Amino acid sequence: MKQKNIFAKLLGIAFLVLALAPIVSAGTWFDFEANPSASSMTISQGQSINLILTASSHNNVPVSLEKLEAISVAQIVSWNEPGSQFGSTHLWTKTYTLNSNTLGPGTFTLRFSAQTNNGLEYSDLTLIINPVDTTAPVITLLGTSPITIALGSAYADAGATALDNLDGVITANIVVVNNVNTAVAGTYSVVYSVSDLAGNSATATRTVIVSPTTDINAPTIVISSPTATTYTTAVTNITYVPSDINLNQCWYSLNSGVTNSTAISCSNGTSNLFSGLLPVQGSNTWTVWANDSVGNLGSASVTFTVNDLIVPIITAVSPINNATLDDTDVTLIVKTNEDAVVKYSIDGATNVTMIKTSNFAFQSALLNLDDDKEYTVVYTATDLMGNIASLTIKFKIDEKANNQNVEDTSFSAEDLSEISIEPAIDLTDEDAPGLTWWQRFINWLSRLFGLEEVY
């Protein structure tokens, strides 16, 4: 009897374990079809990968709310499909093809979740998506280029380095083609080539000049202005000193632009000037070049900043605001506090560029304007850095204005006829015999003022 009881107890325990087993095993899981045992996978952007998603639930609780998402990024896709019943098991499974362009480059945690009999359950996998490499490496030459060496001398190439945005330093992969022959004068090229792991390639070239003379030294250049600082006004000149006993020609390059070879002066050991240059707002790099009569080339550069945000100031010289002019021929004259392009518009007409009489003075002639009329002139000045200022003035034309305050001093014949002219002083004895000259003078004054004679 005891054996039967023990056997019954063991059978009951086994039945309970089997009954509870489906509940314990319920859950979600998924893997990469390409590598089911992997917890992470790395692919390239644009590549697709198959994900196998599986969820199970027991005790007649259907699987629901199935969802695939990239944590902290976006939901990729969601379902709400019933599971398939296999005895007491509700099983749901699906293969989903994920295009990596959906997420883009980066490292992502993919999460598959579903509602099972144990509540909301999930499983995670790591997916690394590498960007497509379309960027070529960068080759940097060591030493100088071009470089001049003497005929018959030894040439030791300075080499180069290579850096790729994804592969890092790939200098060891550089292939060099060097055809320099120091026994023959001429110009040669040393070509450097390299490719990254994605097949993007780059090349760089060094120019080597084998000189037939003993002069292999390039001119030296010292730039004294501008300097490596920040300017609040436009910088328009380069002041430099080139040095070489065989100096030939000087020119410049602005911000890697086209070089200008029209140097007016290029004197050895003295200060020279390039003028009328135009910088840009922000950083500028200006380079001065010089060569000598045997072809040696030298250069010097300066980097400076222009932060000119101040608008120019316009001053009306003639006419001034609210002036009254007596001539219909008017010359507009203005001045600015810096070099600029100045235009004017009269009574809303099209802008006209004024003639520059100096860097800071401008004028334009207006002929045959209307008399007895007021005009409005709007001046605009644009400085070398593009800052714009404006000034508005008004003036009148009244040709009678110059006669209004002049006193009329002319006389007509009628005016002259009305003027009584007193007789001249007569102090003779015939006028008053027996009187002294003083008594006769007193009598004359009395008559002059209409009084009775005293004597």
Foldseek 3Di string as FASTA:
>chain_A
DVVVVVVVVVVVVVVVCVVCVQQVPFAKDKAWPVDRVAQEDEEAAQDKTKMKIKGKAFPPWWKAFKFKCWPPPGTDDTGGDTFDDDPRMGMDIDIDIDHNNVPAADKTKMKIWIQYPVGIHIDIGIYGYHYQDPDWKDKAAPDDAAAEDEQPDDDDGPAIWIQDPPPGTPSVQKDWDFDDDSNDFDKTKIKIKGGDPNGHIDMDIGIYGHFHDPPRDWKDKDWPPDAAEEAQAWDFKIKMAIADPQWDFKWKDKQNHDIDGPAPDHDHGDIGMDGRHFHEAFKIKMKMWTGGPRGHIDMDIHIYHYNHQDAKDKAWDPPHAAAEAQFQKGKTKIFIPFAWWKWKDKPPDDTDTFDDPDRTMTMDIDHDHDAFDKMKMKMWTQHSHGHIDIDIGMYHYHNCVVVPPDDDPDDDPVRVVPDDDDDDQDQDCVVPPPDDSVLSNQQVVCVVVPHHRPD
